[in-house]
């Protein structure tokens, strides 16, 4: 019943692009709504109370996740196609710094940041370059609606490079965690 009222409140030219909704679109919106609030709280607490040297990158990673979730939330609730592309770019703008901050957190947590200083600077430069590319249509060309009703960005020519940028720091951080656990495990 509520769904019918929402459809009537939307202009007629936009009713055809509304998600048909099999229930998952509401779950995705609620999850993204939760992700907009929770990382902000954790990030603020880490800034206020964080005494460890690794708390600062983790706080900034929380803020990046929050920006990503805000973009995903507005991408899902926006019914006008002209607003979906900026919302998708906002979500990717938050996601760009997450791999760099994850690797920085892992390395600072184990006090191994000095070994990868040049690599971290290169990743930060790549993140800034991807942020600049995210402004134009070379990164996100448009949006498309998935079967779940969620809106996904259509990748541009530089999006494949971004996927490599995401994979390398995440895999390196996981490898570093595995090595630390393997060599320093009491078992």
C-alpha atoms as a PDB file:
ATOM      1  CA  UNK A   1       0.000   0.000   0.000  1.00  0.00           C
ATOM      2  CA  UNK A   2       2.791   2.420   0.821  1.00  0.00           C
ATOM      3  CA  UNK A   3       4.529   1.530  -2.418  1.00  0.00           C
ATOM      4  CA  UNK A   4       1.490   2.670  -4.445  1.00  0.00           C
ATOM      5  CA  UNK A   5       1.507   6.061  -2.723  1.00  0.00           C
ATOM      6  CA  UNK A   6       5.177   6.576  -3.499  1.00  0.00           C
ATOM      7  CA  UNK A   7       4.618   5.759  -7.168  1.00  0.00           C
ATOM      8  CA  UNK A   8       1.801   8.288  -7.341  1.00  0.00           C
ATOM      9  CA  UNK A   9       4.023  10.998  -5.825  1.00  0.00           C
ATOM     10  CA  UNK A  10       6.682  10.540  -8.526  1.00  0.00           C
ATOM     11  CA  UNK A  11       6.208  12.363 -11.849  1.00  0.00           C
ATOM     12  CA  UNK A  12       4.762  10.299 -14.686  1.00  0.00           C
ATOM     13  CA  UNK A  13       7.925  10.377 -16.820  1.00  0.00           C
ATOM     14  CA  UNK A  14       9.895   8.786 -13.978  1.00  0.00           C
ATOM     15  CA  UNK A  15       7.445   6.025 -13.021  1.00  0.00           C
ATOM     16  CA  UNK A  16       8.835   3.681 -15.667  1.00  0.00           C
ATOM     17  CA  UNK A  17      12.343   3.785 -14.141  1.00  0.00           C
ATOM     18  CA  UNK A  18      11.237   2.967 -10.613  1.00  0.00           C
ATOM     19  CA  UNK A  19      12.617  -0.331  -9.348  1.00  0.00           C
ATOM     20  CA  UNK A  20      10.044  -3.076  -9.604  1.00  0.00           C
ATOM     21  CA  UNK A  21      11.183  -4.207  -6.190  1.00  0.00           C
ATOM     22  CA  UNK A  22      11.386  -7.773  -5.080  1.00  0.00           C
ATOM     23  CA  UNK A  23      12.174  -6.679  -1.543  1.00  0.00           C
ATOM     24  CA  UNK A  24      15.917  -6.507  -1.912  1.00  0.00           C
ATOM     25  CA  UNK A  25      15.921  -2.818  -2.843  1.00  0.00           C
ATOM     26  CA  UNK A  26      14.477  -1.925   0.565  1.00  0.00           C
ATOM     27  CA  UNK A  27      17.070  -4.115   2.285  1.00  0.00           C
ATOM     28  CA  UNK A  28      19.879  -2.451   0.318  1.00  0.00           C
ATOM     29  CA  UNK A  29      18.615   1.019   1.232  1.00  0.00           C
ATOM     30  CA  UNK A  30      18.385   0.095   4.914  1.00  0.00           C
ATOM     31  CA  UNK A  31      21.868  -1.394   4.872  1.00  0.00           C
ATOM     32  CA  UNK A  32      23.326   1.674   3.177  1.00  0.00           C
ATOM     33  CA  UNK A  33      21.467   3.864   5.665  1.00  0.00           C
ATOM     34  CA  UNK A  34      23.120   1.954   8.491  1.00  0.00           C
ATOM     35  CA  UNK A  35      26.501   2.254   6.790  1.00  0.00           C
ATOM     36  CA  UNK A  36      26.066   6.024   6.585  1.00  0.00           C
ATOM     37  CA  UNK A  37      25.847   6.351  10.381  1.00  0.00           C
ATOM     38  CA  UNK A  38      27.921   3.565  11.922  1.00  0.00           C
ATOM     39  CA  UNK A  39      31.339   4.324  10.331  1.00  0.00           C
ATOM     40  CA  UNK A  40      30.948   7.999  11.183  1.00  0.00           C
ATOM     41  CA  UNK A  41      30.506   7.170  14.846  1.00  0.00           C
ATOM     42  CA  UNK A  42      33.438   4.746  14.827  1.00  0.00           C
ATOM     43  CA  UNK A  43      35.616   7.265  12.969  1.00  0.00           C
ATOM     44  CA  UNK A  44      34.834  10.053  15.428  1.00  0.00           C
ATOM     45  CA  UNK A  45      35.526   7.746  18.377  1.00  0.00           C
ATOM     46  CA  UNK A  46      38.836   6.709  16.840  1.00  0.00           C
ATOM     47  CA  UNK A  47      39.798  10.348  16.349  1.00  0.00           C
ATOM     48  CA  UNK A  48      38.860  11.269  19.903  1.00  0.00           C
ATOM     49  CA  UNK A  49      40.058   8.196  21.796  1.00  0.00           C
ATOM     50  CA  UNK A  50      42.477   6.481  19.415  1.00  0.00           C
ATOM     51  CA  UNK A  51      45.926   6.263  20.997  1.00  0.00           C
ATOM     52  CA  UNK A  52      47.486   3.768  18.601  1.00  0.00           C
ATOM     53  CA  UNK A  53      49.321   5.048  15.538  1.00  0.00           C
ATOM     54  CA  UNK A  54      47.051   2.894  13.346  1.00  0.00           C
ATOM     55  CA  UNK A  55      43.849   4.514  14.596  1.00  0.00           C
ATOM     56  CA  UNK A  56      44.120   7.526  12.275  1.00  0.00           C
ATOM     57  CA  UNK A  57      44.083   5.539   8.975  1.00  0.00           C
ATOM     58  CA  UNK A  58      41.257   3.402  10.325  1.00  0.00           C
ATOM     59  CA  UNK A  59      39.264   6.531  11.179  1.00  0.00           C
ATOM     60  CA  UNK A  60      39.772   7.913   7.674  1.00  0.00           C
ATOM     61  CA  UNK A  61      38.793   4.526   6.218  1.00  0.00           C
ATOM     62  CA  UNK A  62      35.576   4.749   8.247  1.00  0.00           C
ATOM     63  CA  UNK A  63      34.886   8.171   6.742  1.00  0.00           C
ATOM     64  CA  UNK A  64      35.566   6.811   3.242  1.00  0.00           C
ATOM     65  CA  UNK A  65      33.119   3.947   3.838  1.00  0.00           C
ATOM     66  CA  UNK A  66      30.579   6.514   5.019  1.00  0.00           C
ATOM     67  CA  UNK A  67      30.988   8.570   1.825  1.00  0.00           C
ATOM     68  CA  UNK A  68      30.674   5.395  -0.257  1.00  0.00           C
ATOM     69  CA  UNK A  69      27.471   4.435   1.600  1.00  0.00           C
ATOM     70  CA  UNK A  70      25.984   7.917   1.161  1.00  0.00           C
ATOM     71  CA  UNK A  71      26.580   7.660  -2.582  1.00  0.00           C
ATOM     72  CA  UNK A  72      25.099   4.149  -2.738  1.00  0.00           C
ATOM     73  CA  UNK A  73      22.087   5.265  -0.713  1.00  0.00           C
ATOM     74  CA  UNK A  74      21.347   8.238  -2.950  1.00  0.00           C
ATOM     75  CA  UNK A  75      21.976   6.149  -6.065  1.00  0.00           C
ATOM     76  CA  UNK A  76      19.308   3.715  -4.877  1.00  0.00           C
ATOM     77  CA  UNK A  77      16.661   6.253  -3.878  1.00  0.00           C
ATOM     78  CA  UNK A  78      17.100   8.690  -6.769  1.00  0.00           C
ATOM     79  CA  UNK A  79      14.430   8.254  -9.414  1.00  0.00           C
ATOM     80  CA  UNK A  80      15.770  10.827 -11.858  1.00  0.00           C
ATOM     81  CA  UNK A  81      18.464   9.537 -14.258  1.00  0.00           C
ATOM     82  CA  UNK A  82      20.339  12.853 -14.194  1.00  0.00           C
ATOM     83  CA  UNK A  83      20.967  12.488 -10.460  1.00  0.00           C
ATOM     84  CA  UNK A  84      22.045   8.851 -10.501  1.00  0.00           C
ATOM     85  CA  UNK A  85      25.394   9.448 -12.205  1.00  0.00           C
ATOM     86  CA  UNK A  86      26.601  12.059  -9.657  1.00  0.00           C
ATOM     87  CA  UNK A  87      25.430   9.790  -6.826  1.00  0.00           C
ATOM     88  CA  UNK A  88      27.308   6.836  -8.359  1.00  0.00           C
ATOM     89  CA  UNK A  89      30.410   9.007  -8.709  1.00  0.00           C
ATOM     90  CA  UNK A  90      30.066  10.030  -5.056  1.00  0.00           C
ATOM     91  CA  UNK A  91      29.984   6.378  -4.007  1.00  0.00           C
ATOM     92  CA  UNK A  92      33.101   5.651  -6.051  1.00  0.00           C
ATOM     93  CA  UNK A  93      34.793   8.769  -4.638  1.00  0.00           C
ATOM     94  CA  UNK A  94      34.449   7.222  -1.194  1.00  0.00           C
ATOM     95  CA  UNK A  95      35.596   3.813  -2.382  1.00  0.00           C
ATOM     96  CA  UNK A  96      38.764   5.126  -4.022  1.00  0.00           C
ATOM     97  CA  UNK A  97      40.658   5.731  -0.778  1.00  0.00           C
ATOM     98  CA  UNK A  98      39.542   2.551   1.033  1.00  0.00           C
ATOM     99  CA  UNK A  99      42.278   0.206  -0.380  1.00  0.00           C
ATOM    100  CA  UNK A 100      45.056   2.704   0.352  1.00  0.00           C
ATOM    101  CA  UNK A 101      43.796   3.317   3.882  1.00  0.00           C
ATOM    102  CA  UNK A 102      43.367  -0.412   4.518  1.00  0.00           C
ATOM    103  CA  UNK A 103      46.971  -1.151   3.584  1.00  0.00           C
ATOM    104  CA  UNK A 104      48.188   1.849   5.588  1.00  0.00           C
ATOM    105  CA  UNK A 105      46.240   0.608   8.611  1.00  0.00           C
ATOM    106  CA  UNK A 106      47.673  -2.915   8.360  1.00  0.00           C
ATOM    107  CA  UNK A 107      51.238  -1.664   7.967  1.00  0.00           C
ATOM    108  CA  UNK A 108      50.972   0.867  10.787  1.00  0.00           C
ATOM    109  CA  UNK A 109      49.358  -1.687  13.071  1.00  0.00           C
ATOM    110  CA  UNK A 110      52.426  -3.918  12.740  1.00  0.00           C
ATOM    111  CA  UNK A 111      54.862  -0.962  12.589  1.00  0.00           C
ATOM    112  CA  UNK A 112      56.030  -1.881   9.086  1.00  0.00           C
ATOM    113  CA  UNK A 113      55.147   1.359   7.330  1.00  0.00           C
ATOM    114  CA  UNK A 114      58.764   2.325   6.709  1.00  0.00           C
ATOM    115  CA  UNK A 115      59.324  -0.678   4.427  1.00  0.00           C
ATOM    116  CA  UNK A 116      56.557   0.360   2.018  1.00  0.00           C
ATOM    117  CA  UNK A 117      56.924   4.156   2.131  1.00  0.00           C
ATOM    118  CA  UNK A 118      57.502   4.513  -1.629  1.00  0.00           C
ATOM    119  CA  UNK A 119      54.657   2.123  -2.410  1.00  0.00           C
ATOM    120  CA  UNK A 120      52.242   3.970  -0.106  1.00  0.00           C
ATOM    121  CA  UNK A 121      53.140   7.292  -1.706  1.00  0.00           C
ATOM    122  CA  UNK A 122      52.484   5.791  -5.136  1.00  0.00           C
ATOM    123  CA  UNK A 123      49.130   4.420  -3.998  1.00  0.00           C
ATOM    124  CA  UNK A 124      48.178   7.813  -2.587  1.00  0.00           C
ATOM    125  CA  UNK A 125      49.104   9.444  -5.900  1.00  0.00           C
ATOM    126  CA  UNK A 126      47.011   6.856  -7.764  1.00  0.00           C
ATOM    127  CA  UNK A 127      44.094   7.536  -5.428  1.00  0.00           C
ATOM    128  CA  UNK A 128      44.308  11.259  -6.148  1.00  0.00           C
ATOM    129  CA  UNK A 129      44.518  10.567  -9.882  1.00  0.00           C
ATOM    130  CA  UNK A 130      41.451   8.332  -9.713  1.00  0.00           C
ATOM    131  CA  UNK A 131      39.589  11.030  -7.774  1.00  0.00           C
ATOM    132  CA  UNK A 132      40.317  13.483 -10.592  1.00  0.00           C
ATOM    133  CA  UNK A 133      39.292  10.929 -13.239  1.00  0.00           C
ATOM    134  CA  UNK A 134      36.092  10.245 -11.314  1.00  0.00           C
ATOM    135  CA  UNK A 135      34.875  13.779 -12.051  1.00  0.00           C
ATOM    136  CA  UNK A 136      34.536  13.196 -15.787  1.00  0.00           C
ATOM    137  CA  UNK A 137      32.875  10.527 -17.921  1.00  0.00           C
ATOM    138  CA  UNK A 138      36.062   8.472 -18.344  1.00  0.00           C
ATOM    139  CA  UNK A 139      35.540   6.672 -15.045  1.00  0.00           C
ATOM    140  CA  UNK A 140      31.765   6.228 -14.805  1.00  0.00           C
ATOM    141  CA  UNK A 141      29.901   6.478 -18.108  1.00  0.00           C
ATOM    142  CA  UNK A 142      26.386   6.002 -16.759  1.00  0.00           C
ATOM    143  CA  UNK A 143      24.218   3.850 -14.536  1.00  0.00           C
ATOM    144  CA  UNK A 144      22.157   0.737 -15.054  1.00  0.00           C
ATOM    145  CA  UNK A 145      19.572  -0.972 -12.945  1.00  0.00           C
ATOM    146  CA  UNK A 146      20.285  -4.508 -11.759  1.00  0.00           C
ATOM    147  CA  UNK A 147      17.673  -7.220 -11.331  1.00  0.00           C
ATOM    148  CA  UNK A 148      17.537  -6.490  -7.600  1.00  0.00           C
ATOM    149  CA  UNK A 149      16.428  -2.917  -8.264  1.00  0.00           C
ATOM    150  CA  UNK A 150      19.775  -1.474  -7.221  1.00  0.00           C
ATOM    151  CA  UNK A 151      21.564   0.998  -9.487  1.00  0.00           C
ATOM    152  CA  UNK A 152      25.118   0.161 -10.562  1.00  0.00           C
ATOM    153  CA  UNK A 153      27.640   2.372 -12.356  1.00  0.00           C
ATOM    154  CA  UNK A 154      28.523   1.545 -15.949  1.00  0.00           C
ATOM    155  CA  UNK A 155      32.332   1.437 -16.062  1.00  0.00           C
ATOM    156  CA  UNK A 156      34.336   3.710 -18.292  1.00  0.00           C
ATOM    157  CA  UNK A 157      37.743   3.036 -19.824  1.00  0.00           C
ATOM    158  CA  UNK A 158      39.730   3.716 -16.618  1.00  0.00           C
ATOM    159  CA  UNK A 159      37.547   1.558 -14.380  1.00  0.00           C
ATOM    160  CA  UNK A 160      39.609  -1.581 -15.118  1.00  0.00           C
ATOM    161  CA  UNK A 161      42.733   0.175 -13.855  1.00  0.00           C
ATOM    162  CA  UNK A 162      40.777   1.096 -10.745  1.00  0.00           C
ATOM    163  CA  UNK A 163      39.954  -2.579 -10.150  1.00  0.00           C
ATOM    164  CA  UNK A 164      43.670  -3.420 -10.271  1.00  0.00           C
ATOM    165  CA  UNK A 165      44.306  -0.525  -7.880  1.00  0.00           C
ATOM    166  CA  UNK A 166      41.733  -2.004  -5.487  1.00  0.00           C
ATOM    167  CA  UNK A 167      43.046  -5.570  -5.750  1.00  0.00           C
ATOM    168  CA  UNK A 168      46.753  -4.906  -5.221  1.00  0.00           C
ATOM    169  CA  UNK A 169      46.646  -3.114  -1.811  1.00  0.00           C
ATOM    170  CA  UNK A 170      43.938  -5.409  -0.475  1.00  0.00           C
ATOM    171  CA  UNK A 171      45.813  -8.562  -1.484  1.00  0.00           C
ATOM    172  CA  UNK A 172      49.093  -7.133  -0.178  1.00  0.00           C
ATOM    173  CA  UNK A 173      47.460  -6.297   3.157  1.00  0.00           C
ATOM    174  CA  UNK A 174      45.932  -9.763   3.422  1.00  0.00           C
ATOM    175  CA  UNK A 175      49.280 -11.336   2.535  1.00  0.00           C
ATOM    176  CA  UNK A 176      51.006  -9.252   5.193  1.00  0.00           C
ATOM    177  CA  UNK A 177      48.410 -10.315   7.779  1.00  0.00           C
ATOM    178  CA  UNK A 178      48.869 -13.976   6.792  1.00  0.00           C
ATOM    179  CA  UNK A 179      52.656 -13.707   7.062  1.00  0.00           C
ATOM    180  CA  UNK A 180      52.486 -12.091  10.478  1.00  0.00           C
ATOM    181  CA  UNK A 181      50.081 -14.731  11.737  1.00  0.00           C
ATOM    182  CA  UNK A 182      52.170 -17.557  10.234  1.00  0.00           C
ATOM    183  CA  UNK A 183      55.563 -16.417  11.543  1.00  0.00           C
ATOM    184  CA  UNK A 184      54.469 -14.994  14.896  1.00  0.00           C
ATOM    185  CA  UNK A 185      51.831 -17.545  15.841  1.00  0.00           C
ATOM    186  CA  UNK A 186      52.559 -19.318  19.138  1.00  0.00           C
ATOM    187  CA  UNK A 187      51.175 -22.574  17.765  1.00  0.00           C
END
